Amino acid sequence: MSNNKEKSNTEGEEEQQQNGHQGMASKDLKNINDYFDELNHAHDEDKLNKAINVAMEEKKKNKALVNDKKQDVKINKDDVDVMNEMDISKDDAEKYLQQNNGDLEATLKYLIEN
């Protein structure tokens, strides 16, 4: 308990010492530091937003390329029928075949492994 009283007395003395010009200077310095901290935070936030925008643009470009490639893949109706026999819906069969470039064997291996 005596340590707590000593600490509170010490803190009280520090507050008394910061009165007058020294106290005002200390407050001003704190305000300046807070201002620069906010400036740095805002600057970091701008950089982060720019990086996120660049990443989103790259994702859109990659998605467009993948969609273009999917349209180029020819899907054989017989392959879809084989997958239907394995209780895979037509939509899912087409999707998985497109993901594996229309290769039935690769698609079946993919489905078995996953």
PDB file of N, CA and C in Angstrom:
ATOM      1  N   MET A   1       0.804  -1.190   0.000  1.00  0.00           N
ATOM      2  CA  MET A   1       0.000   0.000   0.000  1.00  0.00           C
ATOM      3  C   MET A   1       0.848   1.255   0.000  1.00  0.00           C
ATOM      4  N   SER A   2       1.965   1.219   0.706  1.00  0.00           N
ATOM      5  CA  SER A   2       2.803   2.415   0.779  1.00  0.00           C
ATOM      6  C   SER A   2       3.373   2.759  -0.589  1.00  0.00           C
ATOM      7  N   ASN A   3       3.652   1.743  -1.415  1.00  0.00           N
ATOM      8  CA  ASN A   3       4.146   1.998  -2.768  1.00  0.00           C
ATOM      9  C   ASN A   3       3.102   2.737  -3.602  1.00  0.00           C
ATOM     10  N   ASN A   4       1.842   2.340  -3.464  1.00  0.00           N
ATOM     11  CA  ASN A   4       0.767   3.000  -4.208  1.00  0.00           C
ATOM     12  C   ASN A   4       0.631   4.461  -3.795  1.00  0.00           C
ATOM     13  N   LYS A   5       0.755   4.718  -2.483  1.00  0.00           N
ATOM     14  CA  LYS A   5       0.668   6.097  -2.008  1.00  0.00           C
ATOM     15  C   LYS A   5       1.829   6.916  -2.538  1.00  0.00           C
ATOM     16  N   GLU A   6       3.014   6.285  -2.564  1.00  0.00           N
ATOM     17  CA  GLU A   6       4.186   6.991  -3.067  1.00  0.00           C
ATOM     18  C   GLU A   6       4.024   7.317  -4.546  1.00  0.00           C
ATOM     19  N   LYS A   7       3.482   6.343  -5.310  1.00  0.00           N
ATOM     20  CA  LYS A   7       3.276   6.566  -6.744  1.00  0.00           C
ATOM     21  C   LYS A   7       2.278   7.694  -6.975  1.00  0.00           C
ATOM     22  N   SER A   8       1.191   7.686  -6.206  1.00  0.00           N
ATOM     23  CA  SER A   8       0.186   8.731  -6.395  1.00  0.00           C
ATOM     24  C   SER A   8       0.739  10.090  -5.988  1.00  0.00           C
ATOM     25  N   ASN A   9       1.580  10.130  -4.952  1.00  0.00           N
ATOM     26  CA  ASN A   9       2.212  11.391  -4.560  1.00  0.00           C
ATOM     27  C   ASN A   9       3.147  11.878  -5.653  1.00  0.00           C
ATOM     28  N   THR A  10       3.892  10.947  -6.255  1.00  0.00           N
ATOM     29  CA  THR A  10       4.825  11.303  -7.319  1.00  0.00           C
ATOM     30  C   THR A  10       4.063  11.859  -8.518  1.00  0.00           C
ATOM     31  N   GLU A  11       2.956  11.207  -8.878  1.00  0.00           N
ATOM     32  CA  GLU A  11       2.155  11.679 -10.003  1.00  0.00           C
ATOM     33  C   GLU A  11       1.568  13.057  -9.712  1.00  0.00           C
ATOM     34  N   GLY A  12       1.140  13.262  -8.488  1.00  0.00           N
ATOM     35  CA  GLY A  12       0.594  14.555  -8.102  1.00  0.00           C
ATOM     36  C   GLY A  12       1.638  15.649  -8.191  1.00  0.00           C
ATOM     37  N   GLU A  13       2.863  15.324  -7.793  1.00  0.00           N
ATOM     38  CA  GLU A  13       3.953  16.293  -7.874  1.00  0.00           C
ATOM     39  C   GLU A  13       4.257  16.648  -9.329  1.00  0.00           C
ATOM     40  N   GLU A  14       4.214  15.628 -10.221  1.00  0.00           N
ATOM     41  CA  GLU A  14       4.477  15.880 -11.639  1.00  0.00           C
ATOM     42  C   GLU A  14       3.429  16.814 -12.225  1.00  0.00           C
ATOM     43  N   GLU A  15       2.172  16.622 -11.826  1.00  0.00           N
ATOM     44  CA  GLU A  15       1.108  17.482 -12.330  1.00  0.00           C
ATOM     45  C   GLU A  15       1.301  18.919 -11.855  1.00  0.00           C
ATOM     46  N   GLN A  16       1.745  19.066 -10.605  1.00  0.00           N
ATOM     47  CA  GLN A  16       1.974  20.407 -10.080  1.00  0.00           C
ATOM     48  C   GLN A  16       3.130  21.083 -10.802  1.00  0.00           C
ATOM     49  N   GLN A  17       4.156  20.295 -11.169  1.00  0.00           N
ATOM     50  CA  GLN A  17       5.321  20.852 -11.842  1.00  0.00           C
ATOM     51  C   GLN A  17       4.974  21.325 -13.253  1.00  0.00           C
ATOM     52  N   GLN A  18       3.944  20.754 -13.851  1.00  0.00           N
ATOM     53  CA  GLN A  18       3.622  21.092 -15.231  1.00  0.00           C
ATOM     54  C   GLN A  18       2.680  22.293 -15.335  1.00  0.00           C
ATOM     55  N   ASN A  19       2.536  23.022 -14.274  1.00  0.00           N
ATOM     56  CA  ASN A  19       1.744  24.253 -14.318  1.00  0.00           C
ATOM     57  C   ASN A  19       2.590  25.365 -14.912  1.00  0.00           C
ATOM     58  N   GLY A  20       1.961  26.408 -15.337  1.00  0.00           N
ATOM     59  CA  GLY A  20       2.688  27.562 -15.849  1.00  0.00           C
ATOM     60  C   GLY A  20       3.183  27.334 -17.263  1.00  0.00           C
ATOM     61  N   HIS A  21       4.318  27.978 -17.600  1.00  0.00           N
ATOM     62  CA  HIS A  21       4.869  27.911 -18.956  1.00  0.00           C
ATOM     63  C   HIS A  21       5.301  26.503 -19.327  1.00  0.00           C
ATOM     64  N   GLN A  22       5.860  25.794 -18.377  1.00  0.00           N
ATOM     65  CA  GLN A  22       6.318  24.432 -18.670  1.00  0.00           C
ATOM     66  C   GLN A  22       5.126  23.530 -18.996  1.00  0.00           C
ATOM     67  N   GLY A  23       4.049  23.680 -18.263  1.00  0.00           N
ATOM     68  CA  GLY A  23       2.851  22.887 -18.524  1.00  0.00           C
ATOM     69  C   GLY A  23       2.259  23.204 -19.878  1.00  0.00           C
ATOM     70  N   MET A  24       2.233  24.483 -20.224  1.00  0.00           N
ATOM     71  CA  MET A  24       1.703  24.882 -21.531  1.00  0.00           C
ATOM     72  C   MET A  24       2.583  24.354 -22.655  1.00  0.00           C
ATOM     73  N   ALA A  25       3.898  24.421 -22.453  1.00  0.00           N
ATOM     74  CA  ALA A  25       4.818  23.916 -23.473  1.00  0.00           C
ATOM     75  C   ALA A  25       4.648  22.418 -23.644  1.00  0.00           C
ATOM     76  N   SER A  26       4.455  21.726 -22.538  1.00  0.00           N
ATOM     77  CA  SER A  26       4.263  20.277 -22.594  1.00  0.00           C
ATOM     78  C   SER A  26       2.980  19.936 -23.351  1.00  0.00           C
ATOM     79  N   LYS A  27       1.911  20.676 -23.076  1.00  0.00           N
ATOM     80  CA  LYS A  27       0.641  20.443 -23.774  1.00  0.00           C
ATOM     81  C   LYS A  27       0.771  20.743 -25.265  1.00  0.00           C
ATOM     82  N   ASP A  28       1.466  21.839 -25.586  1.00  0.00           N
ATOM     83  CA  ASP A  28       1.669  22.192 -26.994  1.00  0.00           C
ATOM     84  C   ASP A  28       2.460  21.114 -27.722  1.00  0.00           C
ATOM     85  N   LEU A  29       3.498  20.608 -27.058  1.00  0.00           N
ATOM     86  CA  LEU A  29       4.314  19.551 -27.663  1.00  0.00           C
ATOM     87  C   LEU A  29       3.480  18.299 -27.897  1.00  0.00           C
ATOM     88  N   LYS A  30       2.626  17.991 -26.930  1.00  0.00           N
ATOM     89  CA  LYS A  30       1.755  16.821 -27.081  1.00  0.00           C
ATOM     90  C   LYS A  30       0.799  17.020 -28.260  1.00  0.00           C
ATOM     91  N   ASN A  31       0.249  18.228 -28.391  1.00  0.00           N
ATOM     92  CA  ASN A  31      -0.657  18.520 -29.507  1.00  0.00           C
ATOM     93  C   ASN A  31       0.060  18.387 -30.850  1.00  0.00           C
ATOM     94  N   ILE A  32       1.292  18.863 -30.902  1.00  0.00           N
ATOM     95  CA  ILE A  32       2.074  18.754 -32.141  1.00  0.00           C
ATOM     96  C   ILE A  32       2.336  17.295 -32.473  1.00  0.00           C
ATOM     97  N   ASN A  33       2.713  16.512 -31.463  1.00  0.00           N
ATOM     98  CA  ASN A  33       2.957  15.083 -31.689  1.00  0.00           C
ATOM     99  C   ASN A  33       1.695  14.379 -32.168  1.00  0.00           C
ATOM    100  N   ASP A  34       0.553  14.706 -31.559  1.00  0.00           N
ATOM    101  CA  ASP A  34      -0.713  14.110 -31.982  1.00  0.00           C
ATOM    102  C   ASP A  34      -1.028  14.472 -33.430  1.00  0.00           C
ATOM    103  N   TYR A  35      -0.765  15.718 -33.803  1.00  0.00           N
ATOM    104  CA  TYR A  35      -1.016  16.173 -35.171  1.00  0.00           C
ATOM    105  C   TYR A  35      -0.175  15.373 -36.164  1.00  0.00           C
ATOM    106  N   PHE A  36       1.118  15.197 -35.868  1.00  0.00           N
ATOM    107  CA  PHE A  36       1.979  14.449 -36.782  1.00  0.00           C
ATOM    108  C   PHE A  36       1.609  12.969 -36.826  1.00  0.00           C
ATOM    109  N   ASP A  37       1.171  12.422 -35.707  1.00  0.00           N
ATOM    110  CA  ASP A  37       0.708  11.036 -35.708  1.00  0.00           C
ATOM    111  C   ASP A  37      -0.504  10.878 -36.618  1.00  0.00           C
ATOM    112  N   GLU A  38      -1.436  11.839 -36.549  1.00  0.00           N
ATOM    113  CA  GLU A  38      -2.614  11.789 -37.417  1.00  0.00           C
ATOM    114  C   GLU A  38      -2.227  11.941 -38.882  1.00  0.00           C
ATOM    115  N   LEU A  39      -1.259  12.806 -39.154  1.00  0.00           N
ATOM    116  CA  LEU A  39      -0.782  12.993 -40.528  1.00  0.00           C
ATOM    117  C   LEU A  39      -0.194  11.699 -41.079  1.00  0.00           C
ATOM    118  N   ASN A  40       0.645  11.052 -40.282  1.00  0.00           N
ATOM    119  CA  ASN A  40       1.260   9.792 -40.713  1.00  0.00           C
ATOM    120  C   ASN A  40       0.204   8.724 -40.928  1.00  0.00           C
ATOM    121  N   HIS A  41      -0.784   8.675 -40.049  1.00  0.00           N
ATOM    122  CA  HIS A  41      -1.850   7.687 -40.181  1.00  0.00           C
ATOM    123  C   HIS A  41      -2.644   7.918 -41.465  1.00  0.00           C
ATOM    124  N   ALA A  42      -2.952   9.169 -41.761  1.00  0.00           N
ATOM    125  CA  ALA A  42      -3.701   9.493 -42.981  1.00  0.00           C
ATOM    126  C   ALA A  42      -2.883   9.137 -44.217  1.00  0.00           C
ATOM    127  N   HIS A  43      -1.584   9.397 -44.167  1.00  0.00           N
ATOM    128  CA  HIS A  43      -0.706   9.076 -45.292  1.00  0.00           C
ATOM    129  C   HIS A  43      -0.649   7.563 -45.504  1.00  0.00           C
ATOM    130  N   ASP A  44      -0.543   6.795 -44.420  1.00  0.00           N
ATOM    131  CA  ASP A  44      -0.522   5.339 -44.515  1.00  0.00           C
ATOM    132  C   ASP A  44      -1.849   4.816 -45.056  1.00  0.00           C
ATOM    133  N   GLU A  45      -2.938   5.444 -44.657  1.00  0.00           N
ATOM    134  CA  GLU A  45      -4.254   5.024 -45.128  1.00  0.00           C
ATOM    135  C   GLU A  45      -4.380   5.247 -46.636  1.00  0.00           C
ATOM    136  N   ASP A  46      -3.851   6.355 -47.135  1.00  0.00           N
ATOM    137  CA  ASP A  46      -3.877   6.623 -48.572  1.00  0.00           C
ATOM    138  C   ASP A  46      -3.083   5.569 -49.334  1.00  0.00           C
ATOM    139  N   LYS A  47      -1.914   5.231 -48.824  1.00  0.00           N
ATOM    140  CA  LYS A  47      -1.098   4.200 -49.474  1.00  0.00           C
ATOM    141  C   LYS A  47      -1.834   2.868 -49.492  1.00  0.00           C
ATOM    142  N   LEU A  48      -2.470   2.531 -48.393  1.00  0.00           N
ATOM    143  CA  LEU A  48      -3.205   1.275 -48.303  1.00  0.00           C
ATOM    144  C   LEU A  48      -4.363   1.254 -49.298  1.00  0.00           C
ATOM    145  N   ASN A  49      -5.092   2.349 -49.395  1.00  0.00           N
ATOM    146  CA  ASN A  49      -6.205   2.414 -50.348  1.00  0.00           C
ATOM    147  C   ASN A  49      -5.722   2.275 -51.785  1.00  0.00           C
ATOM    148  N   LYS A  50      -4.594   2.904 -52.112  1.00  0.00           N
ATOM    149  CA  LYS A  50      -4.037   2.776 -53.461  1.00  0.00           C
ATOM    150  C   LYS A  50      -3.638   1.334 -53.745  1.00  0.00           C
ATOM    151  N   ALA A  51      -3.016   0.679 -52.773  1.00  0.00           N
ATOM    152  CA  ALA A  51      -2.597  -0.710 -52.954  1.00  0.00           C
ATOM    153  C   ALA A  51      -3.806  -1.624 -53.137  1.00  0.00           C
ATOM    154  N   ILE A  52      -4.859  -1.377 -52.382  1.00  0.00           N
ATOM    155  CA  ILE A  52      -6.078  -2.181 -52.514  1.00  0.00           C
ATOM    156  C   ILE A  52      -6.690  -1.983 -53.895  1.00  0.00           C
ATOM    157  N   ASN A  53      -6.719  -0.748 -54.380  1.00  0.00           N
ATOM    158  CA  ASN A  53      -7.272  -0.476 -55.711  1.00  0.00           C
ATOM    159  C   ASN A  53      -6.473  -1.174 -56.798  1.00  0.00           C
ATOM    160  N   VAL A  54      -5.149  -1.158 -56.687  1.00  0.00           N
ATOM    161  CA  VAL A  54      -4.303  -1.840 -57.674  1.00  0.00           C
ATOM    162  C   VAL A  54      -4.580  -3.339 -57.642  1.00  0.00           C
ATOM    163  N   ALA A  55      -4.681  -3.907 -56.450  1.00  0.00           N
ATOM    164  CA  ALA A  55      -4.946  -5.343 -56.323  1.00  0.00           C
ATOM    165  C   ALA A  55      -6.309  -5.706 -56.908  1.00  0.00           C
ATOM    166  N   MET A  56      -7.306  -4.864 -56.684  1.00  0.00           N
ATOM    167  CA  MET A  56      -8.639  -5.136 -57.224  1.00  0.00           C
ATOM    168  C   MET A  56      -8.640  -5.073 -58.749  1.00  0.00           C
ATOM    169  N   GLU A  57      -7.908  -4.125 -59.318  1.00  0.00           N
ATOM    170  CA  GLU A  57      -7.813  -4.026 -60.778  1.00  0.00           C
ATOM    171  C   GLU A  57      -7.145  -5.272 -61.357  1.00  0.00           C
ATOM    172  N   GLU A  58      -6.084  -5.738 -60.719  1.00  0.00           N
ATOM    173  CA  GLU A  58      -5.402  -6.949 -61.183  1.00  0.00           C
ATOM    174  C   GLU A  58      -6.336  -8.151 -61.101  1.00  0.00           C
ATOM    175  N   LYS A  59      -7.114  -8.226 -60.036  1.00  0.00           N
ATOM    176  CA  LYS A  59      -8.054  -9.333 -59.880  1.00  0.00           C
ATOM    177  C   LYS A  59      -9.096  -9.312 -61.000  1.00  0.00           C
ATOM    178  N   LYS A  60      -9.593  -8.116 -61.336  1.00  0.00           N
ATOM    179  CA  LYS A  60     -10.569  -7.994 -62.423  1.00  0.00           C
ATOM    180  C   LYS A  60      -9.969  -8.441 -63.750  1.00  0.00           C
ATOM    181  N   LYS A  61      -8.719  -8.038 -64.005  1.00  0.00           N
ATOM    182  CA  LYS A  61      -8.055  -8.429 -65.254  1.00  0.00           C
ATOM    183  C   LYS A  61      -7.881  -9.939 -65.320  1.00  0.00           C
ATOM    184  N   ASN A  62      -7.441 -10.538 -64.215  1.00  0.00           N
ATOM    185  CA  ASN A  62      -7.248 -11.985 -64.187  1.00  0.00           C
ATOM    186  C   ASN A  62      -8.565 -12.720 -64.370  1.00  0.00           C
ATOM    187  N   LYS A  63      -9.619 -12.209 -63.748  1.00  0.00           N
ATOM    188  CA  LYS A  63     -10.929 -12.842 -63.880  1.00  0.00           C
ATOM    189  C   LYS A  63     -11.411 -12.769 -65.328  1.00  0.00           C
ATOM    190  N   ALA A  64     -11.171 -11.643 -65.985  1.00  0.00           N
ATOM    191  CA  ALA A  64     -11.566 -11.495 -67.386  1.00  0.00           C
ATOM    192  C   ALA A  64     -10.796 -12.479 -68.263  1.00  0.00           C
ATOM    193  N   LEU A  65      -9.501 -12.657 -67.987  1.00  0.00           N
ATOM    194  CA  LEU A  65      -8.705 -13.620 -68.753  1.00  0.00           C
ATOM    195  C   LEU A  65      -9.213 -15.038 -68.553  1.00  0.00           C
ATOM    196  N   VAL A  66      -9.544 -15.382 -67.326  1.00  0.00           N
ATOM    197  CA  VAL A  66     -10.051 -16.726 -67.034  1.00  0.00           C
ATOM    198  C   VAL A  66     -11.378 -16.945 -67.746  1.00  0.00           C
ATOM    199  N   ASN A  67     -12.246 -15.939 -67.724  1.00  0.00           N
ATOM    200  CA  ASN A  67     -13.535 -16.063 -68.407  1.00  0.00           C
ATOM    201  C   ASN A  67     -13.350 -16.230 -69.912  1.00  0.00           C
ATOM    202  N   ASP A  68     -12.388 -15.516 -70.492  1.00  0.00           N
ATOM    203  CA  ASP A  68     -12.107 -15.666 -71.921  1.00  0.00           C
ATOM    204  C   ASP A  68     -11.630 -17.075 -72.235  1.00  0.00           C
ATOM    205  N   LYS A  69     -10.778 -17.609 -71.383  1.00  0.00           N
ATOM    206  CA  LYS A  69     -10.267 -18.965 -71.596  1.00  0.00           C
ATOM    207  C   LYS A  69     -11.381 -19.993 -71.464  1.00  0.00           C
ATOM    208  N   LYS A  70     -12.298 -19.769 -70.515  1.00  0.00           N
ATOM    209  CA  LYS A  70     -13.403 -20.704 -70.325  1.00  0.00           C
ATOM    210  C   LYS A  70     -14.291 -20.751 -71.562  1.00  0.00           C
ATOM    211  N   GLN A  71     -14.465 -19.616 -72.203  1.00  0.00           N
ATOM    212  CA  GLN A  71     -15.310 -19.579 -73.387  1.00  0.00           C
ATOM    213  C   GLN A  71     -14.659 -20.318 -74.545  1.00  0.00           C
ATOM    214  N   ASP A  72     -13.332 -20.380 -74.560  1.00  0.00           N
ATOM    215  CA  ASP A  72     -12.621 -21.060 -75.634  1.00  0.00           C
ATOM    216  C   ASP A  72     -12.628 -22.580 -75.476  1.00  0.00           C
ATOM    217  N   VAL A  73     -12.913 -23.092 -74.279  1.00  0.00           N
ATOM    218  CA  VAL A  73     -12.881 -24.531 -74.024  1.00  0.00           C
ATOM    219  C   VAL A  73     -14.122 -25.174 -74.634  1.00  0.00           C
ATOM    220  N   LYS A  74     -13.888 -26.191 -75.453  1.00  0.00           N
ATOM    221  CA  LYS A  74     -14.989 -26.942 -76.062  1.00  0.00           C
ATOM    222  C   LYS A  74     -15.321 -28.115 -75.139  1.00  0.00           C
ATOM    223  N   ILE A  75     -16.607 -28.242 -74.829  1.00  0.00           N
ATOM    224  CA  ILE A  75     -17.038 -29.313 -73.941  1.00  0.00           C
ATOM    225  C   ILE A  75     -17.795 -30.343 -74.771  1.00  0.00           C
ATOM    226  N   ASN A  76     -17.363 -31.573 -74.649  1.00  0.00           N
ATOM    227  CA  ASN A  76     -17.966 -32.673 -75.381  1.00  0.00           C
ATOM    228  C   ASN A  76     -19.219 -33.143 -74.633  1.00  0.00           C
ATOM    229  N   LYS A  77     -20.314 -33.284 -75.363  1.00  0.00           N
ATOM    230  CA  LYS A  77     -21.572 -33.720 -74.752  1.00  0.00           C
ATOM    231  C   LYS A  77     -21.431 -35.106 -74.142  1.00  0.00           C
ATOM    232  N   ASP A  78     -20.637 -35.967 -74.773  1.00  0.00           N
ATOM    233  CA  ASP A  78     -20.437 -37.315 -74.238  1.00  0.00           C
ATOM    234  C   ASP A  78     -19.745 -37.267 -72.873  1.00  0.00           C
ATOM    235  N   ASP A  79     -18.814 -36.319 -72.705  1.00  0.00           N
ATOM    236  CA  ASP A  79     -18.127 -36.182 -71.416  1.00  0.00           C
ATOM    237  C   ASP A  79     -19.114 -35.762 -70.323  1.00  0.00           C
ATOM    238  N   VAL A  80     -20.025 -34.857 -70.680  1.00  0.00           N
ATOM    239  CA  VAL A  80     -21.044 -34.422 -69.721  1.00  0.00           C
ATOM    240  C   VAL A  80     -21.950 -35.594 -69.364  1.00  0.00           C
ATOM    241  N   ASP A  81     -22.293 -36.425 -70.358  1.00  0.00           N
ATOM    242  CA  ASP A  81     -23.137 -37.593 -70.102  1.00  0.00           C
ATOM    243  C   ASP A  81     -22.452 -38.576 -69.159  1.00  0.00           C
ATOM    244  N   VAL A  82     -21.145 -38.780 -69.351  1.00  0.00           N
ATOM    245  CA  VAL A  82     -20.396 -39.681 -68.465  1.00  0.00           C
ATOM    246  C   VAL A  82     -20.447 -39.152 -67.031  1.00  0.00           C
ATOM    247  N   MET A  83     -20.279 -37.866 -66.882  1.00  0.00           N
ATOM    248  CA  MET A  83     -20.300 -37.284 -65.539  1.00  0.00           C
ATOM    249  C   MET A  83     -21.703 -37.315 -64.940  1.00  0.00           C
ATOM    250  N   ASN A  84     -22.733 -37.222 -65.796  1.00  0.00           N
ATOM    251  CA  ASN A  84     -24.111 -37.342 -65.312  1.00  0.00           C
ATOM    252  C   ASN A  84     -24.360 -38.727 -64.733  1.00  0.00           C
ATOM    253  N   GLU A  85     -23.734 -39.732 -65.319  1.00  0.00           N
ATOM    254  CA  GLU A  85     -23.870 -41.096 -64.803  1.00  0.00           C
ATOM    255  C   GLU A  85     -23.246 -41.229 -63.416  1.00  0.00           C
ATOM    256  N   MET A  86     -22.369 -40.310 -63.074  1.00  0.00           N
ATOM    257  CA  MET A  86     -21.725 -40.322 -61.757  1.00  0.00           C
ATOM    258  C   MET A  86     -22.457 -39.389 -60.789  1.00  0.00           C
ATOM    259  N   ASP A  87     -23.716 -39.085 -61.096  1.00  0.00           N
ATOM    260  CA  ASP A  87     -24.559 -38.219 -60.263  1.00  0.00           C
ATOM    261  C   ASP A  87     -24.004 -36.804 -60.108  1.00  0.00           C
ATOM    262  N   ILE A  88     -23.431 -36.289 -61.177  1.00  0.00           N
ATOM    263  CA  ILE A  88     -22.966 -34.905 -61.200  1.00  0.00           C
ATOM    264  C   ILE A  88     -23.889 -34.150 -62.145  1.00  0.00           C
ATOM    265  N   SER A  89     -24.440 -33.049 -61.670  1.00  0.00           N
ATOM    266  CA  SER A  89     -25.393 -32.290 -62.485  1.00  0.00           C
ATOM    267  C   SER A  89     -24.713 -31.764 -63.749  1.00  0.00           C
ATOM    268  N   LYS A  90     -25.535 -31.436 -64.742  1.00  0.00           N
ATOM    269  CA  LYS A  90     -25.013 -30.942 -66.015  1.00  0.00           C
ATOM    270  C   LYS A  90     -24.219 -29.652 -65.811  1.00  0.00           C
ATOM    271  N   ASP A  91     -24.762 -28.732 -65.001  1.00  0.00           N
ATOM    272  CA  ASP A  91     -24.070 -27.458 -64.755  1.00  0.00           C
ATOM    273  C   ASP A  91     -22.718 -27.678 -64.082  1.00  0.00           C
ATOM    274  N   ASP A  92     -22.704 -28.546 -63.067  1.00  0.00           N
ATOM    275  CA  ASP A  92     -21.442 -28.831 -62.377  1.00  0.00           C
ATOM    276  C   ASP A  92     -20.465 -29.540 -63.303  1.00  0.00           C
ATOM    277  N   ALA A  93     -20.970 -30.457 -64.113  1.00  0.00           N
ATOM    278  CA  ALA A  93     -20.104 -31.182 -65.044  1.00  0.00           C
ATOM    279  C   ALA A  93     -19.441 -30.212 -66.015  1.00  0.00           C
ATOM    280  N   GLU A  94     -20.226 -29.292 -66.551  1.00  0.00           N
ATOM    281  CA  GLU A  94     -19.663 -28.305 -67.483  1.00  0.00           C
ATOM    282  C   GLU A  94     -18.643 -27.411 -66.789  1.00  0.00           C
ATOM    283  N   LYS A  95     -18.960 -27.007 -65.565  1.00  0.00           N
ATOM    284  CA  LYS A  95     -18.049 -26.135 -64.814  1.00  0.00           C
ATOM    285  C   LYS A  95     -16.715 -26.847 -64.565  1.00  0.00           C
ATOM    286  N   TYR A  96     -16.775 -28.093 -64.086  1.00  0.00           N
ATOM    287  CA  TYR A  96     -15.538 -28.825 -63.793  1.00  0.00           C
ATOM    288  C   TYR A  96     -14.760 -29.153 -65.063  1.00  0.00           C
ATOM    289  N   LEU A  97     -15.461 -29.453 -66.142  1.00  0.00           N
ATOM    290  CA  LEU A  97     -14.774 -29.712 -67.407  1.00  0.00           C
ATOM    291  C   LEU A  97     -14.076 -28.448 -67.909  1.00  0.00           C
ATOM    292  N   GLN A  98     -14.718 -27.307 -67.775  1.00  0.00           N
ATOM    293  CA  GLN A  98     -14.081 -26.049 -68.183  1.00  0.00           C
ATOM    294  C   GLN A  98     -12.847 -25.769 -67.347  1.00  0.00           C
ATOM    295  N   GLN A  99     -12.927 -26.050 -66.046  1.00  0.00           N
ATOM    296  CA  GLN A  99     -11.776 -25.825 -65.172  1.00  0.00           C
ATOM    297  C   GLN A  99     -10.592 -26.702 -65.568  1.00  0.00           C
ATOM    298  N   ASN A 100     -10.882 -27.856 -66.158  1.00  0.00           N
ATOM    299  CA  ASN A 100      -9.827 -28.792 -66.552  1.00  0.00           C
ATOM    300  C   ASN A 100      -9.649 -28.845 -68.065  1.00  0.00           C
ATOM    301  N   ASN A 101      -9.975 -27.745 -68.734  1.00  0.00           N
ATOM    302  CA  ASN A 101      -9.781 -27.584 -70.179  1.00  0.00           C
ATOM    303  C   ASN A 101     -10.467 -28.660 -71.012  1.00  0.00           C
ATOM    304  N   GLY A 102     -11.623 -29.125 -70.558  1.00  0.00           N
ATOM    305  CA  GLY A 102     -12.400 -30.092 -71.315  1.00  0.00           C
ATOM    306  C   GLY A 102     -11.867 -31.514 -71.258  1.00  0.00           C
ATOM    307  N   ASP A 103     -10.868 -31.772 -70.445  1.00  0.00           N
ATOM    308  CA  ASP A 103     -10.256 -33.100 -70.328  1.00  0.00           C
ATOM    309  C   ASP A 103     -11.041 -33.919 -69.302  1.00  0.00           C
ATOM    310  N   LEU A 104     -11.765 -34.943 -69.791  1.00  0.00           N
ATOM    311  CA  LEU A 104     -12.606 -35.759 -68.921  1.00  0.00           C
ATOM    312  C   LEU A 104     -11.782 -36.477 -67.862  1.00  0.00           C
ATOM    313  N   GLU A 105     -10.671 -37.059 -68.271  1.00  0.00           N
ATOM    314  CA  GLU A 105      -9.844 -37.819 -67.327  1.00  0.00           C
ATOM    315  C   GLU A 105      -9.312 -36.911 -66.207  1.00  0.00           C
ATOM    316  N   ALA A 106      -8.812 -35.746 -66.572  1.00  0.00           N
ATOM    317  CA  ALA A 106      -8.293 -34.806 -65.572  1.00  0.00           C
ATOM    318  C   ALA A 106      -9.413 -34.327 -64.648  1.00  0.00           C
ATOM    319  N   THR A 107     -10.601 -34.133 -65.212  1.00  0.00           N
ATOM    320  CA  THR A 107     -11.737 -33.681 -64.414  1.00  0.00           C
ATOM    321  C   THR A 107     -12.137 -34.737 -63.401  1.00  0.00           C
ATOM    322  N   LEU A 108     -12.198 -35.987 -63.839  1.00  0.00           N
ATOM    323  CA  LEU A 108     -12.568 -37.067 -62.920  1.00  0.00           C
ATOM    324  C   LEU A 108     -11.520 -37.231 -61.818  1.00  0.00           C
ATOM    325  N   LYS A 109     -10.249 -37.122 -62.169  1.00  0.00           N
ATOM    326  CA  LYS A 109      -9.187 -37.203 -61.152  1.00  0.00           C
ATOM    327  C   LYS A 109      -9.336 -36.068 -60.148  1.00  0.00           C
ATOM    328  N   TYR A 110      -9.614 -34.884 -60.656  1.00  0.00           N
ATOM    329  CA  TYR A 110      -9.793 -33.719 -59.787  1.00  0.00           C
ATOM    330  C   TYR A 110     -10.942 -33.959 -58.807  1.00  0.00           C
ATOM    331  N   LEU A 111     -12.060 -34.470 -59.312  1.00  0.00           N
ATOM    332  CA  LEU A 111     -13.225 -34.698 -58.459  1.00  0.00           C
ATOM    333  C   LEU A 111     -12.963 -35.784 -57.422  1.00  0.00           C
ATOM    334  N   ILE A 112     -12.206 -36.794 -57.785  1.00  0.00           N
ATOM    335  CA  ILE A 112     -11.896 -37.872 -56.839  1.00  0.00           C
ATOM    336  C   ILE A 112     -10.966 -37.369 -55.741  1.00  0.00           C
ATOM    337  N   GLU A 113      -9.984 -36.568 -56.121  1.00  0.00           N
ATOM    338  CA  GLU A 113      -9.003 -36.075 -55.149  1.00  0.00           C
ATOM    339  C   GLU A 113      -9.595 -35.018 -54.225  1.00  0.00           C
ATOM    340  N   ASN A 114     -10.561 -34.280 -54.713  1.00  0.00           N
ATOM    341  CA  ASN A 114     -11.136 -33.206 -53.894  1.00  0.00           C
ATOM    342  C   ASN A 114     -12.486 -33.627 -53.460  1.00  0.00           C
TER     343      ASN A 114
END
